[in-house]
Amino acid sequence: MKKFLIPIMIVAICIAFYEQSKPDKNVYIIIIAIVIFMFGMMKLSAKTPSKNQENEDENV
């Protein structure tokens, strides 16, 4: 899944930067690209373990 998400996120941000550099910007394309990027970051960060996970396990 990570191999699929990272390229999509890179393409989405490249599209957003390219669209923002144009003289006539299309806001909807920029918003869609940012939403795709944020969704990808959410999916990737969900796999990262919590820093305090050991402490939570001991307290239970």
PDB file of N, CA and C in Angstrom:
ATOM      1  N   MET A   1       0.833  -1.196   0.000  1.00  0.00           N
ATOM      2  CA  MET A   1       0.000   0.000   0.000  1.00  0.00           C
ATOM      3  C   MET A   1       0.871   1.250   0.000  1.00  0.00           C
ATOM      4  N   LYS A   2       1.985   1.214   0.757  1.00  0.00           N
ATOM      5  CA  LYS A   2       2.855   2.372   0.830  1.00  0.00           C
ATOM      6  C   LYS A   2       3.496   2.664  -0.531  1.00  0.00           C
ATOM      7  N   LYS A   3       3.792   1.611  -1.283  1.00  0.00           N
ATOM      8  CA  LYS A   3       4.382   1.793  -2.605  1.00  0.00           C
ATOM      9  C   LYS A   3       3.415   2.454  -3.567  1.00  0.00           C
ATOM     10  N   PHE A   4       2.144   2.350  -3.273  1.00  0.00           N
ATOM     11  CA  PHE A   4       1.112   2.939  -4.126  1.00  0.00           C
ATOM     12  C   PHE A   4       0.791   4.377  -3.693  1.00  0.00           C
ATOM     13  N   LEU A   5       0.809   4.648  -2.395  1.00  0.00           N
ATOM     14  CA  LEU A   5       0.419   5.959  -1.885  1.00  0.00           C
ATOM     15  C   LEU A   5       1.465   7.044  -2.129  1.00  0.00           C
ATOM     16  N   ILE A   6       2.723   6.713  -1.942  1.00  0.00           N
ATOM     17  CA  ILE A   6       3.774   7.740  -2.048  1.00  0.00           C
ATOM     18  C   ILE A   6       3.832   8.358  -3.440  1.00  0.00           C
ATOM     19  N   PRO A   7       3.835   7.579  -4.540  1.00  0.00           N
ATOM     20  CA  PRO A   7       3.838   8.228  -5.864  1.00  0.00           C
ATOM     21  C   PRO A   7       2.594   9.066  -6.138  1.00  0.00           C
ATOM     22  N   ILE A   8       1.436   8.600  -5.664  1.00  0.00           N
ATOM     23  CA  ILE A   8       0.210   9.382  -5.866  1.00  0.00           C
ATOM     24  C   ILE A   8       0.305  10.713  -5.122  1.00  0.00           C
ATOM     25  N   MET A   9       0.861  10.685  -3.914  1.00  0.00           N
ATOM     26  CA  MET A   9       1.010  11.918  -3.144  1.00  0.00           C
ATOM     27  C   MET A   9       1.985  12.882  -3.823  1.00  0.00           C
ATOM     28  N   ILE A  10       3.065  12.355  -4.354  1.00  0.00           N
ATOM     29  CA  ILE A  10       4.047  13.198  -5.045  1.00  0.00           C
ATOM     30  C   ILE A  10       3.429  13.826  -6.287  1.00  0.00           C
ATOM     31  N   VAL A  11       2.672  13.054  -7.051  1.00  0.00           N
ATOM     32  CA  VAL A  11       2.017  13.581  -8.244  1.00  0.00           C
ATOM     33  C   VAL A  11       0.989  14.649  -7.871  1.00  0.00           C
ATOM     34  N   ALA A  12       0.238  14.420  -6.806  1.00  0.00           N
ATOM     35  CA  ALA A  12      -0.780  15.387  -6.380  1.00  0.00           C
ATOM     36  C   ALA A  12      -0.142  16.713  -5.991  1.00  0.00           C
ATOM     37  N   ILE A  13       0.959  16.676  -5.251  1.00  0.00           N
ATOM     38  CA  ILE A  13       1.623  17.923  -4.843  1.00  0.00           C
ATOM     39  C   ILE A  13       2.259  18.611  -6.040  1.00  0.00           C
ATOM     40  N   CYS A  14       2.824  17.837  -6.966  1.00  0.00           N
ATOM     41  CA  CYS A  14       3.396  18.444  -8.178  1.00  0.00           C
ATOM     42  C   CYS A  14       2.302  19.143  -8.986  1.00  0.00           C
ATOM     43  N   ILE A  15       1.145  18.525  -9.100  1.00  0.00           N
ATOM     44  CA  ILE A  15       0.031  19.145  -9.818  1.00  0.00           C
ATOM     45  C   ILE A  15      -0.410  20.420  -9.112  1.00  0.00           C
ATOM     46  N   ALA A  16      -0.472  20.381  -7.774  1.00  0.00           N
ATOM     47  CA  ALA A  16      -0.882  21.575  -7.026  1.00  0.00           C
ATOM     48  C   ALA A  16       0.117  22.717  -7.219  1.00  0.00           C
ATOM     49  N   PHE A  17       1.417  22.409  -7.153  1.00  0.00           N
ATOM     50  CA  PHE A  17       2.426  23.458  -7.354  1.00  0.00           C
ATOM     51  C   PHE A  17       2.393  23.998  -8.785  1.00  0.00           C
ATOM     52  N   TYR A  18       2.221  23.093  -9.759  1.00  0.00           N
ATOM     53  CA  TYR A  18       2.157  23.535 -11.152  1.00  0.00           C
ATOM     54  C   TYR A  18       0.935  24.420 -11.383  1.00  0.00           C
ATOM     55  N   GLU A  19      -0.190  24.025 -10.838  1.00  0.00           N
ATOM     56  CA  GLU A  19      -1.419  24.788 -11.025  1.00  0.00           C
ATOM     57  C   GLU A  19      -1.320  26.153 -10.340  1.00  0.00           C
ATOM     58  N   GLN A  20      -0.614  26.208  -9.218  1.00  0.00           N
ATOM     59  CA  GLN A  20      -0.482  27.472  -8.506  1.00  0.00           C
ATOM     60  C   GLN A  20       0.455  28.433  -9.229  1.00  0.00           C
ATOM     61  N   SER A  21       1.362  27.910 -10.032  1.00  0.00           N
ATOM     62  CA  SER A  21       2.303  28.773 -10.727  1.00  0.00           C
ATOM     63  C   SER A  21       1.704  29.404 -11.992  1.00  0.00           C
ATOM     64  N   LYS A  22       0.556  28.904 -12.433  1.00  0.00           N
ATOM     65  CA  LYS A  22      -0.092  29.456 -13.619  1.00  0.00           C
ATOM     66  C   LYS A  22      -0.684  30.833 -13.316  1.00  0.00           C
ATOM     67  N   PRO A  23      -0.788  31.674 -14.329  1.00  0.00           N
ATOM     68  CA  PRO A  23      -1.424  32.988 -14.097  1.00  0.00           C
ATOM     69  C   PRO A  23      -2.913  32.883 -13.786  1.00  0.00           C
ATOM     70  N   ASP A  24      -3.611  31.936 -14.422  1.00  0.00           N
ATOM     71  CA  ASP A  24      -5.034  31.738 -14.127  1.00  0.00           C
ATOM     72  C   ASP A  24      -5.190  30.415 -13.371  1.00  0.00           C
ATOM     73  N   LYS A  25      -5.205  30.516 -12.041  1.00  0.00           N
ATOM     74  CA  LYS A  25      -5.231  29.341 -11.172  1.00  0.00           C
ATOM     75  C   LYS A  25      -6.635  28.742 -11.101  1.00  0.00           C
ATOM     76  N   ASN A  26      -6.695  27.432 -11.110  1.00  0.00           N
ATOM     77  CA  ASN A  26      -7.952  26.738 -10.887  1.00  0.00           C
ATOM     78  C   ASN A  26      -7.940  26.232  -9.444  1.00  0.00           C
ATOM     79  N   VAL A  27      -8.721  26.875  -8.604  1.00  0.00           N
ATOM     80  CA  VAL A  27      -8.700  26.591  -7.174  1.00  0.00           C
ATOM     81  C   VAL A  27      -9.173  25.173  -6.888  1.00  0.00           C
ATOM     82  N   TYR A  28     -10.113  24.676  -7.662  1.00  0.00           N
ATOM     83  CA  TYR A  28     -10.651  23.344  -7.413  1.00  0.00           C
ATOM     84  C   TYR A  28      -9.603  22.256  -7.617  1.00  0.00           C
ATOM     85  N   ILE A  29      -8.750  22.401  -8.608  1.00  0.00           N
ATOM     86  CA  ILE A  29      -7.678  21.424  -8.833  1.00  0.00           C
ATOM     87  C   ILE A  29      -6.697  21.455  -7.674  1.00  0.00           C
ATOM     88  N   ILE A  30      -6.367  22.640  -7.182  1.00  0.00           N
ATOM     89  CA  ILE A  30      -5.445  22.768  -6.053  1.00  0.00           C
ATOM     90  C   ILE A  30      -6.049  22.124  -4.806  1.00  0.00           C
ATOM     91  N   ILE A  31      -7.324  22.353  -4.557  1.00  0.00           N
ATOM     92  CA  ILE A  31      -7.985  21.791  -3.378  1.00  0.00           C
ATOM     93  C   ILE A  31      -8.018  20.269  -3.461  1.00  0.00           C
ATOM     94  N   ILE A  32      -8.344  19.732  -4.629  1.00  0.00           N
ATOM     95  CA  ILE A  32      -8.394  18.278  -4.795  1.00  0.00           C
ATOM     96  C   ILE A  32      -7.016  17.669  -4.588  1.00  0.00           C
ATOM     97  N   ALA A  33      -5.972  18.313  -5.112  1.00  0.00           N
ATOM     98  CA  ALA A  33      -4.609  17.803  -4.945  1.00  0.00           C
ATOM     99  C   ALA A  33      -4.195  17.823  -3.477  1.00  0.00           C
ATOM    100  N   ILE A  34      -4.550  18.855  -2.753  1.00  0.00           N
ATOM    101  CA  ILE A  34      -4.194  18.936  -1.336  1.00  0.00           C
ATOM    102  C   ILE A  34      -4.964  17.900  -0.528  1.00  0.00           C
ATOM    103  N   VAL A  35      -6.229  17.671  -0.860  1.00  0.00           N
ATOM    104  CA  VAL A  35      -7.016  16.653  -0.161  1.00  0.00           C
ATOM    105  C   VAL A  35      -6.424  15.265  -0.393  1.00  0.00           C
ATOM    106  N   ILE A  36      -6.006  14.973  -1.615  1.00  0.00           N
ATOM    107  CA  ILE A  36      -5.368  13.683  -1.905  1.00  0.00           C
ATOM    108  C   ILE A  36      -4.084  13.538  -1.109  1.00  0.00           C
ATOM    109  N   PHE A  37      -3.289  14.603  -1.040  1.00  0.00           N
ATOM    110  CA  PHE A  37      -2.044  14.559  -0.278  1.00  0.00           C
ATOM    111  C   PHE A  37      -2.320  14.333   1.211  1.00  0.00           C
ATOM    112  N   MET A  38      -3.284  15.046   1.765  1.00  0.00           N
ATOM    113  CA  MET A  38      -3.577  14.912   3.190  1.00  0.00           C
ATOM    114  C   MET A  38      -4.152  13.526   3.506  1.00  0.00           C
ATOM    115  N   PHE A  39      -4.967  12.977   2.623  1.00  0.00           N
ATOM    116  CA  PHE A  39      -5.492  11.632   2.808  1.00  0.00           C
ATOM    117  C   PHE A  39      -4.353  10.611   2.815  1.00  0.00           C
ATOM    118  N   GLY A  40      -3.401  10.777   1.898  1.00  0.00           N
ATOM    119  CA  GLY A  40      -2.237   9.887   1.859  1.00  0.00           C
ATOM    120  C   GLY A  40      -1.388   9.998   3.110  1.00  0.00           C
ATOM    121  N   MET A  41      -1.187  11.219   3.605  1.00  0.00           N
ATOM    122  CA  MET A  41      -0.416  11.402   4.838  1.00  0.00           C
ATOM    123  C   MET A  41      -1.136  10.770   6.024  1.00  0.00           C
ATOM    124  N   MET A  42      -2.452  10.874   6.051  1.00  0.00           N
ATOM    125  CA  MET A  42      -3.219  10.266   7.134  1.00  0.00           C
ATOM    126  C   MET A  42      -3.051   8.750   7.117  1.00  0.00           C
ATOM    127  N   LYS A  43      -3.115   8.153   5.932  1.00  0.00           N
ATOM    128  CA  LYS A  43      -2.966   6.702   5.813  1.00  0.00           C
ATOM    129  C   LYS A  43      -1.557   6.259   6.211  1.00  0.00           C
ATOM    130  N   LEU A  44      -0.537   7.018   5.800  1.00  0.00           N
ATOM    131  CA  LEU A  44       0.833   6.642   6.133  1.00  0.00           C
ATOM    132  C   LEU A  44       1.133   6.842   7.614  1.00  0.00           C
ATOM    133  N   SER A  45       0.621   7.897   8.210  1.00  0.00           N
ATOM    134  CA  SER A  45       0.909   8.150   9.622  1.00  0.00           C
ATOM    135  C   SER A  45       0.122   7.226  10.542  1.00  0.00           C
ATOM    136  N   ALA A  46      -0.933   6.616  10.052  1.00  0.00           N
ATOM    137  CA  ALA A  46      -1.692   5.672  10.875  1.00  0.00           C
ATOM    138  C   ALA A  46      -0.872   4.423  11.172  1.00  0.00           C
ATOM    139  N   LYS A  47       0.076   4.110  10.322  1.00  0.00           N
ATOM    140  CA  LYS A  47       0.912   2.929  10.510  1.00  0.00           C
ATOM    141  C   LYS A  47       2.040   3.178  11.509  1.00  0.00           C
ATOM    142  N   THR A  48       2.341   4.432  11.812  1.00  0.00           N
ATOM    143  CA  THR A  48       3.422   4.776  12.724  1.00  0.00           C
ATOM    144  C   THR A  48       2.969   4.525  14.163  1.00  0.00           C
ATOM    145  N   PRO A  49       3.762   3.766  14.933  1.00  0.00           N
ATOM    146  CA  PRO A  49       3.348   3.508  16.317  1.00  0.00           C
ATOM    147  C   PRO A  49       3.483   4.760  17.181  1.00  0.00           C
ATOM    148  N   SER A  50       2.681   4.816  18.207  1.00  0.00           N
ATOM    149  CA  SER A  50       2.700   5.957  19.115  1.00  0.00           C
ATOM    150  C   SER A  50       3.977   5.950  19.943  1.00  0.00           C
ATOM    151  N   LYS A  51       4.449   7.130  20.300  1.00  0.00           N
ATOM    152  CA  LYS A  51       5.656   7.264  21.108  1.00  0.00           C
ATOM    153  C   LYS A  51       5.411   6.737  22.526  1.00  0.00           C
ATOM    154  N   ASN A  52       4.202   6.905  23.026  1.00  0.00           N
ATOM    155  CA  ASN A  52       3.867   6.500  24.386  1.00  0.00           C
ATOM    156  C   ASN A  52       3.111   5.186  24.435  1.00  0.00           C
ATOM    157  N   GLN A  53       3.246   4.376  23.425  1.00  0.00           N
ATOM    158  CA  GLN A  53       2.490   3.132  23.376  1.00  0.00           C
ATOM    159  C   GLN A  53       2.912   2.180  24.489  1.00  0.00           C
ATOM    160  N   GLU A  54       4.202   2.134  24.832  1.00  0.00           N
ATOM    161  CA  GLU A  54       4.667   1.259  25.902  1.00  0.00           C
ATOM    162  C   GLU A  54       4.062   1.674  27.227  1.00  0.00           C
ATOM    163  N   ASN A  55       3.998   2.971  27.501  1.00  0.00           N
ATOM    164  CA  ASN A  55       3.439   3.454  28.748  1.00  0.00           C
ATOM    165  C   ASN A  55       1.953   3.133  28.853  1.00  0.00           C
ATOM    166  N   GLU A  56       1.232   3.237  27.765  1.00  0.00           N
ATOM    167  CA  GLU A  56      -0.196   2.934  27.778  1.00  0.00           C
ATOM    168  C   GLU A  56      -0.436   1.452  28.036  1.00  0.00           C
ATOM    169  N   ASP A  57       0.416   0.587  27.492  1.00  0.00           N
ATOM    170  CA  ASP A  57       0.265  -0.845  27.695  1.00  0.00           C
ATOM    171  C   ASP A  57       0.526  -1.234  29.157  1.00  0.00           C
ATOM    172  N   GLU A  58       1.473  -0.571  29.799  1.00  0.00           N
ATOM    173  CA  GLU A  58       1.797  -0.886  31.192  1.00  0.00           C
ATOM    174  C   GLU A  58       0.711  -0.409  32.145  1.00  0.00           C
ATOM    175  N   ASN A  59       0.038   0.687  31.815  1.00  0.00           N
ATOM    176  CA  ASN A  59      -0.984   1.253  32.695  1.00  0.00           C
ATOM    177  C   ASN A  59      -2.292   0.474  32.674  1.00  0.00           C
ATOM    178  N   VAL A  60      -2.504  -0.324  31.678  1.00  0.00           N
ATOM    179  CA  VAL A  60      -3.775  -1.035  31.542  1.00  0.00           C
ATOM    180  C   VAL A  60      -3.845  -2.217  32.438  1.00  0.00           C
TER     181      VAL A  60
END
